[in-house]
Amino acid sequence: MSGRAPSSTKRAAQTFIVFMGVVALFGDMTYEGARGLVGPYLALLGASATAVGFAAGLGEFLGYGLRLVTGWVGDRTRAYWPLVIAGYSLNLVAVPGLALVGSWQAAVGLLLLERIGKAIRSPARSTLVSYAANEAGVGKSFGIEEALDQIGAVSGPLLTAAAIWFVRGEPATTGYRVAFAVLLLPVLLNLAFVLGARARFPRPDLLERAKAEDPARFGGLFRWYVVGAMLLALGFSDWALVAYHASRTGLLGAGSVPVLYAGAMAVDALGALGFGVLFDRHGLVVLAVTTAVSAAFAPLVFLAPSAPWLLLGALSWAIGMGAQDSIFKAAIARLVPKAERARAYGVFFALFGLAWWLGSTLMGWLYGRSMTALVAFSVLAQLAAVPVLLVVGVRIRALTGGAR
């Protein structure tokens, strides 16, 4: 591919982005279809709010924390495709297996296995995509990939909602078990497409042409960027706690919770694409602004007197997710040199996941003690990230002479 003309290389890069977006579509259809039900399902199996918050946070910590290892392995071995395939393969057991468990502890074990699979594949996958993204525009490319990803995130909850509706009238756990079982279909489609992508693009690294400017000089800014992201993660609740609250308070019925999550993922998809394009034009200021917006989700959700307020809170939450999904990876692709990128993704998301786990656990603990304290912690932690992200964004633009 290195001998291609620039326009041909760009077309190949764009094709690869779309191909990997379809892979992500079926991957997220699997995971998000399960994620939208996890909170209420664990509650039905006997888990407390603290257990739900702890399990959700631990899952995110494993999904992010293990990337320290898998990112290093990726850069050390350059075995990016085997890592991607192995990570997705774990979904064959983890997600449909939820239909067979008899206790909330076993369900948590499978959820953690799914997150481990994500840890195995994510640094390698993001690195492969970054090669094409640097050729086609990082914000736009990661935005397109995340938009396709979120189509799956919408489709998955709708699929599980339809399964629950189909078996309505049965014991509540039966509907959930059927919903988890039907997710075997997107698991198989996901594996088929990732193997197809591997066959068509065995060397995605050849899509990224050498740049005259070495981004290694931004190392200090990368560290501050991680600090800003960790503050954001501390206050950004996992959806499992949001769904738990909606179900426990009776603001939404069991069948409506995955539909609400599907709507949130639809907003996430549009946001990822739009915010990715804006990132290419304006840099990290976009993430700072959306973080200020997403900080409103906690009071809207957890102090909601009625369903419309809960819906508005879910919208705020989804806006934050959309920005994070596209900008986090795009910024790393811009800040870190090619040979060290998998490790950078690993370090970034490991520390982000640690902060997410600590924040989710604390918010789960606060849930049964003081809703006001939960909301205050969430809002203040997210707002603390805003000035850090703004300063990093300004410094990047200064070092590049205002270039995108």
Protein backbone atom coordinates (compact mmCIF):
# COMPACT_ATOMS: atom_id res chain seq x y z
CA MET A 1 0.00 0.00 0.00
CA SER A 2 2.96 2.31 0.51
CA GLY A 3 3.23 2.78 -3.26
CA ARG A 4 -0.29 4.13 -3.66
CA ALA A 5 -0.92 7.68 -4.78
CA PRO A 6 -2.10 9.95 -1.91
CA SER A 7 -5.74 10.01 -3.10
CA SER A 8 -5.75 6.22 -3.38
CA THR A 9 -4.26 5.89 0.10
CA LYS A 10 -6.91 8.23 1.48
CA ARG A 11 -9.70 6.18 -0.13
CA ALA A 12 -8.23 2.99 1.31
CA ALA A 13 -8.00 4.64 4.73
CA GLN A 14 -11.64 5.73 4.54
CA THR A 15 -12.71 2.23 3.51
CA PHE A 16 -10.82 0.72 6.43
CA ILE A 17 -12.47 3.19 8.85
CA VAL A 18 -15.91 2.15 7.65
CA PHE A 19 -15.01 -1.54 7.75
CA MET A 20 -13.84 -1.27 11.35
CA GLY A 21 -16.92 0.78 12.14
CA VAL A 22 -19.09 -2.16 11.04
CA VAL A 23 -17.00 -4.46 13.24
CA ALA A 24 -17.66 -2.06 16.12
CA LEU A 25 -21.35 -1.91 15.21
CA PHE A 26 -21.89 -5.61 15.88
CA GLY A 27 -19.52 -5.55 18.84
CA ASP A 28 -21.48 -2.77 20.53
CA MET A 29 -24.80 -4.32 19.51
CA THR A 30 -23.68 -7.25 21.67
CA TYR A 31 -22.27 -5.34 24.62
CA GLU A 32 -24.75 -2.47 24.77
CA GLY A 33 -27.67 -4.84 24.31
CA ALA A 34 -26.55 -6.50 27.53
CA ARG A 35 -25.42 -3.32 29.28
CA GLY A 36 -28.83 -1.69 29.04
CA LEU A 37 -30.29 -4.55 31.12
CA VAL A 38 -27.47 -5.18 33.58
CA GLY A 39 -28.65 -2.90 36.39
CA PRO A 40 -32.25 -4.20 36.62
CA TYR A 41 -31.12 -7.80 36.00
CA LEU A 42 -28.61 -7.72 38.85
CA ALA A 43 -31.30 -6.19 41.07
CA LEU A 44 -33.70 -9.03 40.19
CA LEU A 45 -30.98 -11.52 41.10
CA GLY A 46 -30.60 -9.87 44.51
CA ALA A 47 -27.77 -7.35 44.11
CA SER A 48 -27.79 -4.10 46.11
CA ALA A 49 -27.13 -0.62 44.70
CA THR A 50 -23.64 -0.72 46.22
CA ALA A 51 -22.98 -4.08 44.55
CA VAL A 52 -24.23 -2.76 41.20
CA GLY A 53 -22.04 0.35 41.41
CA PHE A 54 -19.02 -1.67 42.56
CA ALA A 55 -19.48 -4.33 39.84
CA ALA A 56 -19.99 -1.76 37.08
CA GLY A 57 -16.96 0.22 38.20
CA LEU A 58 -14.81 -2.90 38.59
CA GLY A 59 -15.79 -4.02 35.11
CA GLU A 60 -14.77 -0.68 33.66
CA PHE A 61 -11.53 -0.75 35.67
CA LEU A 62 -10.62 -4.20 34.32
CA GLY A 63 -11.68 -3.18 30.82
CA TYR A 64 -9.43 -0.16 31.05
CA GLY A 65 -6.75 -1.19 33.57
CA LEU A 66 -5.60 -4.32 31.76
CA ARG A 67 -4.88 -2.17 28.72
CA LEU A 68 -1.61 -1.22 30.41
CA VAL A 69 -0.52 -4.78 29.68
CA THR A 70 -2.27 -5.36 26.37
CA GLY A 71 -1.13 -2.00 24.98
CA TRP A 72 2.47 -2.84 25.86
CA VAL A 73 2.08 -6.30 24.32
CA GLY A 74 0.64 -4.75 21.16
CA ASP A 75 3.53 -2.34 20.64
CA ARG A 76 6.08 -4.98 21.64
CA THR A 77 4.80 -7.75 19.35
CA ARG A 78 2.93 -5.75 16.67
CA ALA A 79 0.37 -8.60 16.89
CA TYR A 80 -2.51 -6.15 16.66
CA TRP A 81 -4.88 -8.31 14.63
CA PRO A 82 -4.53 -11.44 16.85
CA LEU A 83 -5.26 -9.31 19.92
CA VAL A 84 -8.36 -7.79 18.28
CA ILE A 85 -9.69 -11.21 17.24
CA ALA A 86 -9.00 -12.79 20.64
CA GLY A 87 -10.72 -9.95 22.47
CA TYR A 88 -13.89 -10.18 20.41
CA SER A 89 -13.94 -13.99 20.67
CA LEU A 90 -14.55 -13.83 24.44
CA ASN A 91 -18.01 -12.41 23.72
CA LEU A 92 -19.08 -15.87 22.54
CA VAL A 93 -19.08 -16.94 26.19
CA ALA A 94 -19.55 -13.76 28.18
CA VAL A 95 -22.75 -12.24 26.78
CA PRO A 96 -25.03 -15.14 25.77
CA GLY A 97 -23.84 -16.89 28.94
CA LEU A 98 -25.80 -14.36 31.02
CA ALA A 99 -28.93 -16.24 29.98
CA LEU A 100 -27.76 -19.28 31.97
CA VAL A 101 -26.62 -17.83 35.30
CA GLY A 102 -28.51 -18.37 38.55
CA SER A 103 -26.95 -15.72 40.81
CA TRP A 104 -25.89 -12.11 40.57
CA GLN A 105 -22.31 -13.10 41.45
CA ALA A 106 -22.13 -15.39 38.39
CA ALA A 107 -23.63 -12.66 36.22
CA VAL A 108 -20.99 -10.23 37.46
CA GLY A 109 -18.30 -12.79 36.60
CA LEU A 110 -19.45 -12.92 32.98
CA LEU A 111 -19.71 -9.16 32.78
CA LEU A 112 -16.12 -8.91 33.98
CA LEU A 113 -15.06 -11.47 31.35
CA GLU A 114 -16.62 -9.31 28.64
CA ARG A 115 -14.71 -6.31 29.92
CA ILE A 116 -11.47 -8.31 29.92
CA GLY A 117 -12.12 -9.11 26.26
CA LYS A 118 -12.47 -5.40 25.59
CA ALA A 119 -9.18 -4.77 27.39
CA ILE A 120 -7.44 -7.31 25.16
CA ARG A 121 -8.68 -5.86 21.89
CA SER A 122 -9.04 -2.11 22.48
CA PRO A 123 -5.46 -0.73 22.40
CA ALA A 124 -4.66 -2.84 19.33
CA ARG A 125 -7.92 -1.91 17.64
CA SER A 126 -7.54 1.82 18.33
CA THR A 127 -3.97 1.71 17.04
CA LEU A 128 -5.04 0.05 13.78
CA VAL A 129 -7.79 2.63 13.29
CA SER A 130 -5.43 5.50 14.14
CA TYR A 131 -3.20 4.62 11.18
CA ALA A 132 -6.08 5.23 8.79
CA ALA A 133 -7.45 8.13 10.85
CA ASN A 134 -4.22 10.15 10.58
CA GLU A 135 -4.56 9.89 6.81
CA ALA A 136 -8.27 10.74 6.61
CA GLY A 137 -8.61 13.18 9.58
CA VAL A 138 -8.50 11.95 13.17
CA GLY A 139 -11.62 13.57 14.59
CA LYS A 140 -13.78 12.83 11.57
CA SER A 141 -12.49 9.25 11.27
CA PHE A 142 -12.98 8.33 14.91
CA GLY A 143 -16.33 10.10 14.75
CA ILE A 144 -17.45 7.96 11.79
CA GLU A 145 -16.26 4.80 13.51
CA GLU A 146 -18.03 5.72 16.73
CA ALA A 147 -21.21 6.69 14.88
CA LEU A 148 -21.36 3.21 13.34
CA ASP A 149 -20.44 1.79 16.73
CA GLN A 150 -23.41 3.58 18.25
CA ILE A 151 -25.81 2.32 15.60
CA GLY A 152 -25.04 -1.04 17.13
CA ALA A 153 -25.47 0.46 20.58
CA VAL A 154 -28.98 1.56 19.57
CA SER A 155 -29.85 -1.71 17.83
CA GLY A 156 -28.72 -3.92 20.72
CA PRO A 157 -31.05 -2.47 23.38
CA LEU A 158 -33.93 -2.40 20.89
CA LEU A 159 -33.31 -6.08 20.15
CA THR A 160 -33.32 -6.98 23.82
CA ALA A 161 -36.40 -4.82 24.45
CA ALA A 162 -38.21 -6.73 21.67
CA ALA A 163 -37.17 -10.03 23.25
CA ILE A 164 -38.52 -8.95 26.65
CA TRP A 165 -41.77 -7.79 25.03
CA PHE A 166 -42.12 -11.10 23.16
CA VAL A 167 -42.10 -13.15 26.38
CA ARG A 168 -44.10 -10.63 28.46
CA GLY A 169 -46.21 -12.21 31.16
CA GLU A 170 -43.52 -14.72 32.04
CA PRO A 171 -41.40 -14.32 35.21
CA ALA A 172 -39.27 -11.20 34.87
CA THR A 173 -36.02 -13.17 34.79
CA THR A 174 -37.25 -15.19 31.78
CA GLY A 175 -37.48 -12.08 29.62
CA TYR A 176 -33.97 -11.07 30.54
CA ARG A 177 -32.61 -14.56 29.81
CA VAL A 178 -34.21 -14.62 26.36
CA ALA A 179 -32.84 -11.13 25.67
CA PHE A 180 -29.29 -12.20 26.52
CA ALA A 181 -29.62 -15.38 24.43
CA VAL A 182 -30.59 -13.53 21.22
CA LEU A 183 -27.39 -11.51 21.46
CA LEU A 184 -25.54 -14.56 20.13
CA LEU A 185 -26.46 -13.35 16.61
CA PRO A 186 -24.50 -10.07 16.71
CA VAL A 187 -21.60 -11.91 18.39
CA LEU A 188 -21.27 -14.19 15.36
CA LEU A 189 -21.66 -11.31 12.86
CA ASN A 190 -19.01 -9.34 14.73
CA LEU A 191 -16.50 -12.18 14.46
CA ALA A 192 -17.28 -12.67 10.76
CA PHE A 193 -16.58 -9.01 9.97
CA VAL A 194 -13.41 -8.74 12.03
CA LEU A 195 -11.98 -11.77 10.23
CA GLY A 196 -13.00 -10.18 6.93
CA ALA A 197 -11.27 -6.92 7.86
CA ARG A 198 -8.12 -8.85 8.75
CA ALA A 199 -8.15 -10.58 5.37
CA ARG A 200 -8.65 -7.38 3.39
CA PHE A 201 -6.29 -5.10 5.37
CA PRO A 202 -3.47 -7.24 6.81
CA ARG A 203 -1.18 -4.17 7.20
CA PRO A 204 -3.20 -1.06 8.16
CA ASP A 205 0.02 0.60 9.36
CA LEU A 206 0.93 1.20 5.72
CA LEU A 207 -2.03 3.56 5.42
CA GLU A 208 -0.35 6.21 7.59
CA ARG A 209 2.24 8.21 5.73
CA ALA A 210 5.20 9.70 7.60
CA LYS A 211 4.59 13.17 9.02
CA ALA A 212 7.26 15.86 9.13
CA GLU A 213 6.26 16.81 12.69
CA ASP A 214 7.01 14.41 15.53
CA PRO A 215 4.21 14.55 18.12
CA ALA A 216 6.53 13.15 20.81
CA ARG A 217 7.21 16.72 21.94
CA PHE A 218 3.67 16.82 23.34
CA GLY A 219 4.50 14.21 26.05
CA GLY A 220 3.91 16.59 28.96
CA LEU A 221 0.58 17.67 27.54
CA PHE A 222 -0.45 14.04 27.18
CA ARG A 223 0.02 13.58 30.93
CA TRP A 224 -2.18 16.59 31.71
CA TYR A 225 -4.72 15.32 29.21
CA VAL A 226 -4.87 12.08 31.22
CA VAL A 227 -5.43 14.07 34.43
CA GLY A 228 -8.38 15.92 32.86
CA ALA A 229 -9.91 12.67 31.62
CA MET A 230 -9.55 11.06 35.06
CA LEU A 231 -11.42 13.93 36.71
CA LEU A 232 -14.17 13.55 34.14
CA ALA A 233 -14.34 9.79 34.77
CA LEU A 234 -14.61 10.20 38.54
CA GLY A 235 -17.91 11.99 38.20
CA PHE A 236 -19.36 10.23 35.17
CA SER A 237 -21.72 7.50 36.39
CA ASP A 238 -21.98 4.17 34.62
CA TRP A 239 -25.34 3.58 32.92
CA ALA A 240 -25.96 0.57 35.18
CA LEU A 241 -26.55 2.91 38.14
CA VAL A 242 -28.80 5.16 36.04
CA ALA A 243 -30.87 2.14 34.94
CA TYR A 244 -30.95 0.82 38.51
CA HIS A 245 -32.33 4.15 39.72
CA ALA A 246 -34.93 4.36 36.93
CA SER A 247 -36.17 0.83 37.66
CA ARG A 248 -36.05 1.09 41.46
CA THR A 249 -37.97 4.36 41.62
CA GLY A 250 -40.60 3.16 39.13
CA LEU A 251 -39.97 6.13 36.81
CA LEU A 252 -39.63 3.61 33.96
CA GLY A 253 -40.83 0.03 33.49
CA ALA A 254 -38.46 -2.87 32.78
CA GLY A 255 -39.25 -2.81 29.05
CA SER A 256 -38.70 0.95 28.82
CA VAL A 257 -35.20 0.96 30.33
CA PRO A 258 -33.47 -0.56 27.26
CA VAL A 259 -35.51 1.73 25.00
CA LEU A 260 -34.25 4.76 26.94
CA TYR A 261 -30.73 3.41 26.62
CA ALA A 262 -31.22 2.95 22.87
CA GLY A 263 -32.28 6.59 22.64
CA ALA A 264 -29.21 7.66 24.61
CA MET A 265 -27.02 5.67 22.24
CA ALA A 266 -28.68 7.33 19.23
CA VAL A 267 -27.73 10.73 20.65
CA ASP A 268 -24.26 9.32 21.37
CA ALA A 269 -23.90 8.27 17.71
CA LEU A 270 -24.83 11.66 16.30
CA GLY A 271 -22.71 13.39 18.91
CA ALA A 272 -19.65 11.26 18.19
CA LEU A 273 -19.74 12.19 14.51
CA GLY A 274 -20.44 15.88 15.07
CA PHE A 275 -17.99 16.32 17.93
CA GLY A 276 -15.29 14.48 15.96
CA VAL A 277 -15.62 16.96 13.10
CA LEU A 278 -15.58 19.87 15.56
CA PHE A 279 -12.45 18.44 17.20
CA ASP A 280 -10.60 18.61 13.87
CA ARG A 281 -11.49 22.32 13.73
CA HIS A 282 -11.30 23.47 17.34
CA GLY A 283 -9.37 20.85 19.32
CA LEU A 284 -9.92 19.92 22.97
CA VAL A 285 -12.11 22.94 23.69
CA VAL A 286 -14.94 20.82 22.30
CA LEU A 287 -14.42 18.17 24.98
CA ALA A 288 -14.26 20.85 27.67
CA VAL A 289 -17.61 22.31 26.58
CA THR A 290 -19.37 18.95 26.36
CA THR A 291 -18.03 18.00 29.80
CA ALA A 292 -19.69 21.09 31.24
CA VAL A 293 -22.94 20.00 29.58
CA SER A 294 -22.72 16.39 30.75
CA ALA A 295 -22.18 17.52 34.35
CA ALA A 296 -25.91 18.31 34.42
CA PHE A 297 -26.91 14.66 34.05
CA ALA A 298 -26.51 13.75 37.73
CA PRO A 299 -29.02 16.24 39.20
CA LEU A 300 -31.43 15.60 36.34
CA VAL A 301 -31.31 11.81 36.76
CA PHE A 302 -30.90 11.22 40.48
CA LEU A 303 -33.11 14.07 41.68
CA ALA A 304 -35.71 13.55 38.95
CA PRO A 305 -39.29 13.99 40.24
CA SER A 306 -40.74 12.51 37.04
CA ALA A 307 -39.84 10.63 33.85
CA PRO A 308 -39.34 13.77 31.65
CA TRP A 309 -36.55 14.99 33.93
CA LEU A 310 -34.96 11.54 33.78
CA LEU A 311 -35.11 11.68 29.98
CA LEU A 312 -33.40 15.08 29.97
CA GLY A 313 -30.70 13.70 32.25
CA ALA A 314 -30.17 10.74 29.91
CA LEU A 315 -29.77 13.21 27.03
CA SER A 316 -27.09 15.12 28.94
CA TRP A 317 -25.33 11.84 29.77
CA ALA A 318 -25.41 10.79 26.09
CA ILE A 319 -23.92 14.09 24.92
CA GLY A 320 -20.96 13.51 27.23
CA MET A 321 -20.53 9.95 26.00
CA GLY A 322 -20.64 11.01 22.35
CA ALA A 323 -17.83 13.51 22.84
CA GLN A 324 -15.71 11.09 24.84
CA ASP A 325 -16.14 8.28 22.31
CA SER A 326 -14.70 10.24 19.40
CA ILE A 327 -12.38 12.81 20.98
CA PHE A 328 -10.51 10.64 23.52
CA LYS A 329 -9.00 8.41 20.82
CA ALA A 330 -8.58 11.18 18.25
CA ALA A 331 -6.54 13.32 20.63
CA ILE A 332 -4.18 10.44 21.42
CA ALA A 333 -3.67 9.75 17.72
CA ARG A 334 -2.61 13.38 17.36
CA LEU A 335 -0.42 13.58 20.48
CA VAL A 336 1.50 10.27 20.40
CA PRO A 337 3.95 8.94 17.78
CA LYS A 338 3.04 5.87 15.76
CA ALA A 339 5.39 3.39 17.43
CA GLU A 340 4.13 4.16 20.96
CA ARG A 341 0.43 4.58 20.31
CA ALA A 342 -0.88 1.24 21.64
CA ARG A 343 0.88 1.83 24.95
CA ALA A 344 -0.50 5.36 25.07
CA TYR A 345 -4.03 4.05 24.55
CA GLY A 346 -3.36 1.45 27.23
CA VAL A 347 -2.05 3.96 29.79
CA PHE A 348 -4.76 6.50 29.09
CA PHE A 349 -7.69 4.13 29.37
CA ALA A 350 -6.21 2.23 32.32
CA LEU A 351 -6.04 5.40 34.39
CA PHE A 352 -9.39 6.56 33.04
CA GLY A 353 -10.87 3.20 34.07
CA LEU A 354 -9.35 3.40 37.55
CA ALA A 355 -10.99 6.78 38.07
CA TRP A 356 -14.27 5.46 36.65
CA TRP A 357 -14.23 2.51 39.07
CA LEU A 358 -13.49 4.66 42.11
CA GLY A 359 -16.15 7.17 41.13
CA SER A 360 -18.79 4.53 40.32
CA THR A 361 -18.14 2.69 43.59
CA LEU A 362 -18.40 5.89 45.61
CA MET A 363 -21.60 6.96 43.83
CA GLY A 364 -23.11 3.51 44.36
CA TRP A 365 -22.28 3.79 48.07
CA LEU A 366 -23.70 7.32 48.27
CA TYR A 367 -26.88 6.24 46.47
CA GLY A 368 -28.36 4.64 49.59
CA ARG A 369 -27.13 7.36 51.95
CA SER A 370 -27.37 10.81 50.40
CA MET A 371 -28.59 11.51 46.88
CA THR A 372 -27.56 15.14 47.31
CA ALA A 373 -23.97 14.11 48.11
CA LEU A 374 -23.94 11.78 45.08
CA VAL A 375 -25.05 14.60 42.79
CA ALA A 376 -22.61 17.11 44.29
CA PHE A 377 -19.66 14.75 43.87
CA SER A 378 -20.57 13.95 40.26
CA VAL A 379 -21.00 17.58 39.22
CA LEU A 380 -17.89 18.92 40.97
CA ALA A 381 -15.60 16.17 39.65
CA GLN A 382 -16.68 16.74 36.06
CA LEU A 383 -16.48 20.52 36.28
CA ALA A 384 -12.94 20.21 37.70
CA ALA A 385 -11.92 18.58 34.41
CA VAL A 386 -13.02 21.56 32.30
CA PRO A 387 -10.14 24.01 33.03
CA VAL A 388 -7.55 21.23 32.66
CA LEU A 389 -8.85 20.28 29.22
CA LEU A 390 -9.06 23.93 28.17
CA VAL A 391 -5.44 24.61 29.14
CA VAL A 392 -4.18 21.50 27.35
CA GLY A 393 -6.15 22.46 24.25
CA VAL A 394 -4.75 25.99 24.23
CA ARG A 395 -1.18 24.69 24.66
CA ILE A 396 -1.56 22.26 21.75
CA ARG A 397 -2.78 25.02 19.46
CA ALA A 398 0.09 27.25 20.57
CA LEU A 399 2.68 24.57 19.84
CA THR A 400 1.21 23.92 16.39
CA GLY A 401 0.86 27.58 15.52
CA GLY A 402 -2.95 27.33 15.64
CA ALA A 403 -3.05 24.38 13.24
CA ARG A 404 -5.74 21.80 13.69
